[in-house]
Amino acid sequence: MFPREIVGSRTFLAEVERGLEAVHDRPALLVQGTKDVAFRAPQRRRWEQQFEDHRTALLDDAGHYIQEDAADEIVAAIIEWHKRRGHHA
């Protein structure tokens, strides 16, 4: 069912992709699991190229559902990202 939902969202996802140019200069924290079978290094590099002001946090041993595999690591990455940007956690 899930793959069918993705295919069915093709129009919406194309619209999102067209809108990325409007936010390319925004700061971004990119978080990816190193064991994700759907999104690998080429997809990560594409997002890194999209956002000129980014930080990438790779989560060792996390798969596609990073929030289930590495919740604490995600929180730590967000806190660290905010600190580096001059915000207080």
C-alpha atoms as a PDB file:
ATOM      1  CA  MET A   1       0.000   0.000   0.000  1.00  0.00           C
ATOM      2  CA  PHE A   2       2.773   2.460   0.937  1.00  0.00           C
ATOM      3  CA  PRO A   3       4.536   2.361  -2.470  1.00  0.00           C
ATOM      4  CA  ARG A   4       1.164   2.920  -4.156  1.00  0.00           C
ATOM      5  CA  GLU A   5       0.652   6.018  -1.989  1.00  0.00           C
ATOM      6  CA  ILE A   6       4.008   7.417  -3.102  1.00  0.00           C
ATOM      7  CA  VAL A   7       3.187   6.864  -6.774  1.00  0.00           C
ATOM      8  CA  GLY A   8      -0.228   8.432  -6.203  1.00  0.00           C
ATOM      9  CA  SER A   9       1.454  11.512  -4.745  1.00  0.00           C
ATOM     10  CA  ARG A  10       3.561  12.150  -7.840  1.00  0.00           C
ATOM     11  CA  THR A  11       1.767  15.434  -8.693  1.00  0.00           C
ATOM     12  CA  PHE A  12       2.109  16.737  -5.132  1.00  0.00           C
ATOM     13  CA  LEU A  13       5.775  15.749  -4.923  1.00  0.00           C
ATOM     14  CA  ALA A  14       6.517  17.473  -8.246  1.00  0.00           C
ATOM     15  CA  GLU A  15       4.915  20.640  -6.865  1.00  0.00           C
ATOM     16  CA  VAL A  16       7.080  20.415  -3.743  1.00  0.00           C
ATOM     17  CA  GLU A  17      10.186  19.977  -5.889  1.00  0.00           C
ATOM     18  CA  ARG A  18       9.310  23.065  -7.946  1.00  0.00           C
ATOM     19  CA  GLY A  19       9.022  25.064  -4.723  1.00  0.00           C
ATOM     20  CA  LEU A  20      12.453  24.086  -3.415  1.00  0.00           C
ATOM     21  CA  GLU A  21      14.167  26.916  -5.259  1.00  0.00           C
ATOM     22  CA  ALA A  22      12.275  29.383  -3.061  1.00  0.00           C
ATOM     23  CA  VAL A  23      13.864  27.936   0.097  1.00  0.00           C
ATOM     24  CA  HIS A  24      17.355  27.035  -1.146  1.00  0.00           C
ATOM     25  CA  ASP A  25      18.951  29.784   0.941  1.00  0.00           C
ATOM     26  CA  ARG A  26      17.290  28.732   4.205  1.00  0.00           C
ATOM     27  CA  PRO A  27      19.374  26.934   6.817  1.00  0.00           C
ATOM     28  CA  ALA A  28      18.667  23.210   6.869  1.00  0.00           C
ATOM     29  CA  LEU A  29      19.476  20.255   9.049  1.00  0.00           C
ATOM     30  CA  LEU A  30      19.524  17.090   6.947  1.00  0.00           C
ATOM     31  CA  VAL A  31      19.191  13.873   8.933  1.00  0.00           C
ATOM     32  CA  GLN A  32      19.638  10.461   7.333  1.00  0.00           C
ATOM     33  CA  GLY A  33      20.033   6.917   8.554  1.00  0.00           C
ATOM     34  CA  THR A  34      23.114   5.150   7.217  1.00  0.00           C
ATOM     35  CA  LYS A  35      21.140   1.930   6.723  1.00  0.00           C
ATOM     36  CA  ASP A  36      18.219   3.485   4.815  1.00  0.00           C
ATOM     37  CA  VAL A  37      17.544   1.275   1.791  1.00  0.00           C
ATOM     38  CA  ALA A  38      15.375   3.879   0.060  1.00  0.00           C
ATOM     39  CA  PHE A  39      17.560   6.970   0.418  1.00  0.00           C
ATOM     40  CA  ARG A  40      21.281   6.555  -0.042  1.00  0.00           C
ATOM     41  CA  ALA A  41      24.300   8.812  -0.620  1.00  0.00           C
ATOM     42  CA  PRO A  42      23.179  10.107  -4.069  1.00  0.00           C
ATOM     43  CA  GLN A  43      19.847  11.289  -2.662  1.00  0.00           C
ATOM     44  CA  ARG A  44      21.601  12.852   0.341  1.00  0.00           C
ATOM     45  CA  ARG A  45      24.019  14.699  -1.930  1.00  0.00           C
ATOM     46  CA  ARG A  46      21.083  16.039  -3.940  1.00  0.00           C
ATOM     47  CA  TRP A  47      19.574  17.555  -0.778  1.00  0.00           C
ATOM     48  CA  GLU A  48      22.969  18.905   0.276  1.00  0.00           C
ATOM     49  CA  GLN A  49      23.284  20.637  -3.092  1.00  0.00           C
ATOM     50  CA  GLN A  50      19.759  22.027  -2.759  1.00  0.00           C
ATOM     51  CA  PHE A  51      20.460  23.797   0.544  1.00  0.00           C
ATOM     52  CA  GLU A  52      23.603  25.918   0.470  1.00  0.00           C
ATOM     53  CA  ASP A  53      23.501  26.489   4.271  1.00  0.00           C
ATOM     54  CA  HIS A  54      23.106  22.964   5.597  1.00  0.00           C
ATOM     55  CA  ARG A  55      24.455  20.529   8.129  1.00  0.00           C
ATOM     56  CA  THR A  56      24.120  16.795   7.585  1.00  0.00           C
ATOM     57  CA  ALA A  57      23.718  14.412  10.506  1.00  0.00           C
ATOM     58  CA  LEU A  58      24.206  10.755   9.624  1.00  0.00           C
ATOM     59  CA  LEU A  59      22.658   8.294  12.036  1.00  0.00           C
ATOM     60  CA  ASP A  60      24.629   5.066  12.325  1.00  0.00           C
ATOM     61  CA  ASP A  61      22.481   1.940  12.402  1.00  0.00           C
ATOM     62  CA  ALA A  62      19.276   3.838  11.562  1.00  0.00           C
ATOM     63  CA  GLY A  63      17.146   2.733   8.640  1.00  0.00           C
ATOM     64  CA  HIS A  64      14.355   4.490   6.762  1.00  0.00           C
ATOM     65  CA  TYR A  65      12.257   5.225   9.851  1.00  0.00           C
ATOM     66  CA  ILE A  66      14.881   7.247  11.694  1.00  0.00           C
ATOM     67  CA  GLN A  67      12.467   8.456  14.364  1.00  0.00           C
ATOM     68  CA  GLU A  68      11.971   4.856  15.458  1.00  0.00           C
ATOM     69  CA  ASP A  69      15.621   3.828  15.192  1.00  0.00           C
ATOM     70  CA  ALA A  70      17.422   6.886  16.551  1.00  0.00           C
ATOM     71  CA  ALA A  71      15.091   9.295  18.330  1.00  0.00           C
ATOM     72  CA  ASP A  72      17.702  10.405  20.876  1.00  0.00           C
ATOM     73  CA  GLU A  73      20.295  10.995  18.162  1.00  0.00           C
ATOM     74  CA  ILE A  74      17.832  13.127  16.186  1.00  0.00           C
ATOM     75  CA  VAL A  75      17.126  15.268  19.241  1.00  0.00           C
ATOM     76  CA  ALA A  76      20.874  15.664  19.857  1.00  0.00           C
ATOM     77  CA  ALA A  77      21.434  16.673  16.212  1.00  0.00           C
ATOM     78  CA  ILE A  78      18.701  19.314  16.433  1.00  0.00           C
ATOM     79  CA  ILE A  79      20.078  20.726  19.688  1.00  0.00           C
ATOM     80  CA  GLU A  80      23.623  20.845  18.291  1.00  0.00           C
ATOM     81  CA  TRP A  81      22.396  22.477  15.065  1.00  0.00           C
ATOM     82  CA  HIS A  82      20.556  25.157  17.050  1.00  0.00           C
ATOM     83  CA  LYS A  83      23.622  25.814  19.202  1.00  0.00           C
ATOM     84  CA  ARG A  84      25.826  26.231  16.118  1.00  0.00           C
ATOM     85  CA  ARG A  85      23.323  28.682  14.689  1.00  0.00           C
ATOM     86  CA  GLY A  86      23.526  30.769  17.865  1.00  0.00           C
ATOM     87  CA  HIS A  87      20.220  29.645  19.382  1.00  0.00           C
ATOM     88  CA  HIS A  88      19.834  28.351  22.906  1.00  0.00           C
ATOM     89  CA  ALA A  89      18.286  24.936  23.470  1.00  0.00           C
END
